[in-house]
Amino acid sequence: MAITSAESQVMDALWRRGPLTADEIVAEVAGPQGWSESTVKTLISRLLKKNAIRSEREGGRHCYRALIAHADYVQEESQGLLDRLFKGRLTPLVAHFAEHRKLKPEEIKRLRKLLEDLDDDG
């Protein structure tokens, strides 16, 4: 399922604090992004059509809840990036970041640990 960058702002609000009413989503998302209420409600509508969220009646109000787990979204987006930019190969992705930004010592330590764990499993 393709969730746009703008739609992901609504999803982030729901993952952090959901379920939320439309007004609560607007309060969470509109200000920081500089969006109008109608823009946020359009994003909610798109996410409903994509079955990424659902609307439920709670206490006389419509509340919205994410139907996609954050971890599943991150996995799908990460795999899409890897496929598009690095032909599905992980090593060039890691090499790219290692060459274009200074890795912190704790990042290097974590990468070494991941590699050791993978080697142990192999």
N, C-alpha and C. Protein backbone atom coordinates (compact mmCIF):
# COMPACT_ATOMS: atom_id res chain seq x y z
N MET A 1 0.85 -1.17 0.00
CA MET A 1 0.00 0.00 0.00
C MET A 1 0.90 1.23 0.00
N ALA A 2 0.64 2.14 -0.88
CA ALA A 2 1.43 3.36 -0.98
C ALA A 2 0.82 4.46 -0.11
N ILE A 3 1.56 4.85 0.90
CA ILE A 3 1.15 5.96 1.76
C ILE A 3 2.10 7.11 1.47
N THR A 4 1.54 8.25 1.11
CA THR A 4 2.36 9.40 0.76
C THR A 4 3.03 9.97 2.01
N SER A 5 3.99 10.83 1.78
CA SER A 5 4.67 11.50 2.89
C SER A 5 3.68 12.29 3.74
N ALA A 6 2.77 12.99 3.09
CA ALA A 6 1.76 13.77 3.82
C ALA A 6 0.85 12.85 4.63
N GLU A 7 0.39 11.77 4.01
CA GLU A 7 -0.49 10.82 4.72
C GLU A 7 0.23 10.19 5.91
N SER A 8 1.54 10.02 5.77
CA SER A 8 2.29 9.40 6.87
C SER A 8 2.29 10.28 8.12
N GLN A 9 2.07 11.58 7.96
CA GLN A 9 1.98 12.47 9.13
C GLN A 9 0.74 12.14 9.95
N VAL A 10 -0.36 11.86 9.27
CA VAL A 10 -1.59 11.45 9.96
C VAL A 10 -1.38 10.08 10.62
N MET A 11 -0.75 9.17 9.88
CA MET A 11 -0.49 7.85 10.44
C MET A 11 0.39 7.95 11.68
N ASP A 12 1.41 8.80 11.63
CA ASP A 12 2.30 8.97 12.79
C ASP A 12 1.51 9.43 14.01
N ALA A 13 0.59 10.36 13.81
CA ALA A 13 -0.24 10.83 14.94
C ALA A 13 -1.06 9.68 15.51
N LEU A 14 -1.61 8.85 14.64
CA LEU A 14 -2.43 7.72 15.11
C LEU A 14 -1.56 6.65 15.78
N TRP A 15 -0.38 6.41 15.27
CA TRP A 15 0.50 5.42 15.91
C TRP A 15 0.95 5.91 17.28
N ARG A 16 1.19 7.20 17.40
CA ARG A 16 1.65 7.75 18.68
C ARG A 16 0.54 7.83 19.71
N ARG A 17 -0.66 8.31 19.28
CA ARG A 17 -1.68 8.66 20.26
C ARG A 17 -3.05 8.05 19.99
N GLY A 18 -3.22 7.34 18.88
CA GLY A 18 -4.52 6.89 18.48
C GLY A 18 -5.23 6.00 19.47
N PRO A 19 -6.53 5.82 19.33
CA PRO A 19 -7.37 6.44 18.31
C PRO A 19 -7.61 7.93 18.60
N LEU A 20 -7.86 8.69 17.52
CA LEU A 20 -8.07 10.13 17.62
C LEU A 20 -9.28 10.54 16.80
N THR A 21 -9.92 11.62 17.24
CA THR A 21 -10.99 12.22 16.43
C THR A 21 -10.34 13.03 15.32
N ALA A 22 -11.14 13.43 14.35
CA ALA A 22 -10.63 14.27 13.25
C ALA A 22 -10.04 15.56 13.81
N ASP A 23 -10.73 16.18 14.77
CA ASP A 23 -10.22 17.42 15.35
C ASP A 23 -8.89 17.20 16.07
N GLU A 24 -8.74 16.07 16.72
CA GLU A 24 -7.47 15.78 17.40
C GLU A 24 -6.35 15.55 16.40
N ILE A 25 -6.67 14.89 15.29
CA ILE A 25 -5.67 14.69 14.23
C ILE A 25 -5.27 16.04 13.65
N VAL A 26 -6.25 16.90 13.39
CA VAL A 26 -5.96 18.23 12.87
C VAL A 26 -5.03 18.98 13.83
N ALA A 27 -5.34 18.91 15.12
CA ALA A 27 -4.52 19.61 16.12
C ALA A 27 -3.09 19.05 16.14
N GLU A 28 -2.95 17.76 15.96
CA GLU A 28 -1.62 17.12 15.98
C GLU A 28 -0.81 17.44 14.73
N VAL A 29 -1.47 17.51 13.58
CA VAL A 29 -0.76 17.53 12.31
C VAL A 29 -0.74 18.90 11.62
N ALA A 30 -1.84 19.61 11.65
CA ALA A 30 -1.97 20.82 10.84
C ALA A 30 -0.94 21.89 11.20
N GLY A 31 -0.85 22.22 12.48
CA GLY A 31 0.04 23.30 12.91
C GLY A 31 1.49 23.10 12.50
N PRO A 32 2.09 21.98 12.88
CA PRO A 32 3.50 21.76 12.53
C PRO A 32 3.76 21.75 11.02
N GLN A 33 2.77 21.32 10.25
CA GLN A 33 2.95 21.24 8.80
C GLN A 33 2.48 22.51 8.08
N GLY A 34 1.74 23.35 8.78
CA GLY A 34 1.19 24.54 8.14
C GLY A 34 0.02 24.22 7.23
N TRP A 35 -0.68 23.12 7.53
CA TRP A 35 -1.81 22.69 6.71
C TRP A 35 -3.12 23.21 7.28
N SER A 36 -4.10 23.35 6.39
CA SER A 36 -5.44 23.74 6.82
C SER A 36 -6.19 22.50 7.32
N GLU A 37 -7.29 22.76 8.01
CA GLU A 37 -8.14 21.66 8.49
C GLU A 37 -8.62 20.81 7.33
N SER A 38 -9.00 21.45 6.22
CA SER A 38 -9.52 20.69 5.08
C SER A 38 -8.44 19.81 4.45
N THR A 39 -7.20 20.25 4.47
CA THR A 39 -6.11 19.42 3.96
C THR A 39 -5.97 18.16 4.79
N VAL A 40 -5.99 18.30 6.11
CA VAL A 40 -5.85 17.14 6.99
C VAL A 40 -7.04 16.20 6.81
N LYS A 41 -8.23 16.76 6.70
CA LYS A 41 -9.42 15.91 6.51
C LYS A 41 -9.38 15.19 5.16
N THR A 42 -8.79 15.80 4.15
CA THR A 42 -8.60 15.14 2.86
C THR A 42 -7.64 13.97 3.01
N LEU A 43 -6.58 14.16 3.78
CA LEU A 43 -5.63 13.07 4.02
C LEU A 43 -6.30 11.92 4.77
N ILE A 44 -7.14 12.25 5.75
CA ILE A 44 -7.90 11.23 6.48
C ILE A 44 -8.78 10.44 5.51
N SER A 45 -9.46 11.16 4.63
CA SER A 45 -10.33 10.51 3.65
C SER A 45 -9.55 9.57 2.73
N ARG A 46 -8.40 10.01 2.28
CA ARG A 46 -7.57 9.16 1.42
C ARG A 46 -7.14 7.88 2.15
N LEU A 47 -6.75 8.05 3.41
CA LEU A 47 -6.31 6.88 4.19
C LEU A 47 -7.47 5.92 4.45
N LEU A 48 -8.67 6.45 4.62
CA LEU A 48 -9.85 5.58 4.76
C LEU A 48 -10.06 4.77 3.49
N LYS A 49 -9.95 5.43 2.33
CA LYS A 49 -10.14 4.74 1.04
C LYS A 49 -9.09 3.68 0.81
N LYS A 50 -7.90 3.90 1.33
CA LYS A 50 -6.81 2.93 1.18
C LYS A 50 -6.88 1.81 2.22
N ASN A 51 -7.85 1.91 3.12
CA ASN A 51 -7.98 0.95 4.23
C ASN A 51 -6.74 0.92 5.12
N ALA A 52 -6.09 2.08 5.25
CA ALA A 52 -4.96 2.21 6.15
C ALA A 52 -5.45 2.57 7.55
N ILE A 53 -6.63 3.21 7.61
CA ILE A 53 -7.26 3.56 8.89
C ILE A 53 -8.73 3.21 8.81
N ARG A 54 -9.37 3.20 9.98
CA ARG A 54 -10.82 2.99 9.98
C ARG A 54 -11.43 3.99 10.95
N SER A 55 -12.70 4.25 10.72
CA SER A 55 -13.46 5.15 11.57
C SER A 55 -14.37 4.32 12.45
N GLU A 56 -14.38 4.65 13.74
CA GLU A 56 -15.25 3.97 14.70
C GLU A 56 -16.00 5.02 15.50
N ARG A 57 -17.20 4.68 15.89
CA ARG A 57 -17.98 5.58 16.73
C ARG A 57 -17.70 5.24 18.19
N GLU A 58 -17.15 6.20 18.93
CA GLU A 58 -16.85 6.02 20.35
C GLU A 58 -17.39 7.21 21.12
N GLY A 59 -18.28 6.94 22.03
CA GLY A 59 -18.82 8.01 22.86
C GLY A 59 -19.47 9.13 22.08
N GLY A 60 -20.15 8.78 21.02
CA GLY A 60 -20.84 9.78 20.22
C GLY A 60 -19.95 10.53 19.24
N ARG A 61 -18.68 10.15 19.15
CA ARG A 61 -17.76 10.82 18.23
C ARG A 61 -17.11 9.78 17.32
N HIS A 62 -16.72 10.24 16.13
CA HIS A 62 -15.98 9.37 15.22
C HIS A 62 -14.51 9.45 15.58
N CYS A 63 -13.93 8.28 15.81
CA CYS A 63 -12.51 8.18 16.10
C CYS A 63 -11.85 7.37 14.99
N TYR A 64 -10.60 7.70 14.72
CA TYR A 64 -9.85 7.02 13.68
C TYR A 64 -8.73 6.21 14.31
N ARG A 65 -8.54 5.02 13.75
CA ARG A 65 -7.55 4.08 14.27
C ARG A 65 -6.75 3.54 13.09
N ALA A 66 -5.43 3.40 13.28
CA ALA A 66 -4.57 2.83 12.24
C ALA A 66 -4.87 1.34 12.10
N LEU A 67 -4.96 0.89 10.87
CA LEU A 67 -5.14 -0.54 10.60
C LEU A 67 -3.82 -1.20 10.21
N ILE A 68 -2.82 -0.38 9.96
CA ILE A 68 -1.49 -0.86 9.59
C ILE A 68 -0.57 -0.65 10.79
N ALA A 69 0.15 -1.67 11.17
CA ALA A 69 1.12 -1.53 12.26
C ALA A 69 2.31 -0.70 11.78
N HIS A 70 2.83 0.11 12.69
CA HIS A 70 3.97 0.96 12.35
C HIS A 70 5.14 0.12 11.83
N ALA A 71 5.42 -1.00 12.47
CA ALA A 71 6.53 -1.86 12.06
C ALA A 71 6.34 -2.38 10.62
N ASP A 72 5.10 -2.71 10.25
CA ASP A 72 4.82 -3.18 8.89
C ASP A 72 5.04 -2.07 7.88
N TYR A 73 4.63 -0.85 8.24
CA TYR A 73 4.83 0.31 7.37
C TYR A 73 6.33 0.57 7.16
N VAL A 74 7.09 0.55 8.24
CA VAL A 74 8.54 0.79 8.15
C VAL A 74 9.19 -0.28 7.29
N GLN A 75 8.79 -1.53 7.46
CA GLN A 75 9.34 -2.62 6.66
C GLN A 75 9.06 -2.42 5.18
N GLU A 76 7.83 -2.09 4.86
CA GLU A 76 7.44 -1.90 3.46
C GLU A 76 8.17 -0.72 2.83
N GLU A 77 8.22 0.39 3.56
CA GLU A 77 8.91 1.58 3.04
C GLU A 77 10.41 1.33 2.89
N SER A 78 11.01 0.65 3.86
CA SER A 78 12.44 0.36 3.81
C SER A 78 12.76 -0.54 2.62
N GLN A 79 11.94 -1.57 2.44
CA GLN A 79 12.17 -2.48 1.31
C GLN A 79 12.00 -1.75 -0.01
N GLY A 80 11.01 -0.84 -0.09
CA GLY A 80 10.81 -0.06 -1.31
C GLY A 80 12.02 0.80 -1.63
N LEU A 81 12.57 1.46 -0.62
CA LEU A 81 13.77 2.28 -0.80
C LEU A 81 14.93 1.41 -1.26
N LEU A 82 15.13 0.30 -0.60
CA LEU A 82 16.21 -0.61 -0.95
C LEU A 82 16.07 -1.11 -2.39
N ASP A 83 14.86 -1.47 -2.79
CA ASP A 83 14.61 -1.95 -4.15
C ASP A 83 14.82 -0.87 -5.19
N ARG A 84 14.29 0.34 -4.91
CA ARG A 84 14.38 1.44 -5.89
C ARG A 84 15.80 1.94 -6.09
N LEU A 85 16.51 2.13 -4.99
CA LEU A 85 17.81 2.80 -5.08
C LEU A 85 19.01 1.86 -5.11
N PHE A 86 18.86 0.66 -4.58
CA PHE A 86 20.01 -0.23 -4.45
C PHE A 86 19.74 -1.63 -4.99
N LYS A 87 18.74 -1.75 -5.87
CA LYS A 87 18.39 -3.02 -6.51
C LYS A 87 18.20 -4.14 -5.49
N GLY A 88 17.66 -3.78 -4.31
CA GLY A 88 17.34 -4.76 -3.29
C GLY A 88 18.53 -5.24 -2.48
N ARG A 89 19.71 -4.64 -2.72
CA ARG A 89 20.92 -5.08 -2.03
C ARG A 89 21.22 -4.18 -0.84
N LEU A 90 21.47 -4.79 0.30
CA LEU A 90 21.68 -4.05 1.54
C LEU A 90 23.09 -3.46 1.65
N THR A 91 24.10 -4.20 1.20
CA THR A 91 25.47 -3.74 1.34
C THR A 91 25.70 -2.37 0.70
N PRO A 92 25.24 -2.11 -0.53
CA PRO A 92 25.46 -0.77 -1.09
C PRO A 92 24.75 0.34 -0.31
N LEU A 93 23.61 0.03 0.31
CA LEU A 93 22.92 1.02 1.13
C LEU A 93 23.77 1.40 2.33
N VAL A 94 24.27 0.40 3.04
CA VAL A 94 25.10 0.67 4.22
C VAL A 94 26.38 1.38 3.79
N ALA A 95 27.00 0.96 2.70
CA ALA A 95 28.21 1.60 2.20
C ALA A 95 27.95 3.06 1.85
N HIS A 96 26.81 3.31 1.23
CA HIS A 96 26.45 4.69 0.87
C HIS A 96 26.42 5.59 2.10
N PHE A 97 25.73 5.16 3.13
CA PHE A 97 25.63 5.98 4.33
C PHE A 97 26.98 6.09 5.05
N ALA A 98 27.74 5.01 5.05
CA ALA A 98 29.04 5.05 5.70
C ALA A 98 29.99 6.00 4.99
N GLU A 99 29.86 6.11 3.67
CA GLU A 99 30.74 7.00 2.89
C GLU A 99 30.28 8.46 2.90
N HIS A 100 28.99 8.69 3.11
CA HIS A 100 28.46 10.05 2.96
C HIS A 100 28.09 10.74 4.27
N ARG A 101 28.26 10.07 5.37
CA ARG A 101 28.05 10.71 6.66
C ARG A 101 28.91 10.01 7.70
N LYS A 102 29.37 10.79 8.62
CA LYS A 102 30.25 10.24 9.65
C LYS A 102 29.43 9.38 10.60
N LEU A 103 29.81 8.13 10.71
CA LEU A 103 29.13 7.23 11.63
C LEU A 103 29.65 7.48 13.05
N LYS A 104 28.75 7.50 13.98
CA LYS A 104 29.11 7.66 15.38
C LYS A 104 29.68 6.34 15.89
N PRO A 105 30.54 6.39 16.88
CA PRO A 105 31.12 5.14 17.42
C PRO A 105 30.07 4.11 17.83
N GLU A 106 28.95 4.58 18.43
CA GLU A 106 27.92 3.61 18.83
C GLU A 106 27.22 2.99 17.62
N GLU A 107 27.15 3.72 16.49
CA GLU A 107 26.58 3.14 15.27
C GLU A 107 27.49 2.06 14.71
N ILE A 108 28.80 2.34 14.72
CA ILE A 108 29.77 1.35 14.23
C ILE A 108 29.72 0.11 15.11
N LYS A 109 29.66 0.31 16.41
CA LYS A 109 29.58 -0.81 17.35
C LYS A 109 28.33 -1.65 17.09
N ARG A 110 27.21 -0.97 16.85
CA ARG A 110 25.95 -1.69 16.58
C ARG A 110 26.02 -2.48 15.27
N LEU A 111 26.62 -1.87 14.25
CA LEU A 111 26.78 -2.57 12.96
C LEU A 111 27.66 -3.81 13.13
N ARG A 112 28.75 -3.66 13.87
CA ARG A 112 29.63 -4.81 14.11
C ARG A 112 28.88 -5.93 14.82
N LYS A 113 28.09 -5.55 15.83
CA LYS A 113 27.31 -6.53 16.59
C LYS A 113 26.29 -7.24 15.69
N LEU A 114 25.62 -6.48 14.84
CA LEU A 114 24.67 -7.08 13.89
C LEU A 114 25.36 -8.09 12.98
N LEU A 115 26.53 -7.72 12.47
CA LEU A 115 27.27 -8.61 11.59
C LEU A 115 27.73 -9.87 12.32
N GLU A 116 28.19 -9.69 13.56
CA GLU A 116 28.59 -10.85 14.36
C GLU A 116 27.41 -11.78 14.61
N ASP A 117 26.27 -11.19 14.93
CA ASP A 117 25.07 -12.00 15.17
C ASP A 117 24.64 -12.75 13.90
N LEU A 118 24.73 -12.08 12.77
CA LEU A 118 24.38 -12.73 11.51
C LEU A 118 25.36 -13.86 11.19
N ASP A 119 26.63 -13.62 11.47
CA ASP A 119 27.65 -14.63 11.22
C ASP A 119 27.44 -15.85 12.12
N ASP A 120 27.06 -15.59 13.37
CA ASP A 120 26.79 -16.68 14.31
C ASP A 120 25.60 -17.53 13.87
N ASP A 121 24.59 -16.87 13.25
CA ASP A 121 23.39 -17.58 12.82
C ASP A 121 23.63 -18.39 11.55
N GLY A 122 24.63 -18.00 10.78
CA GLY A 122 24.89 -18.61 9.49
C GLY A 122 25.56 -19.91 9.61
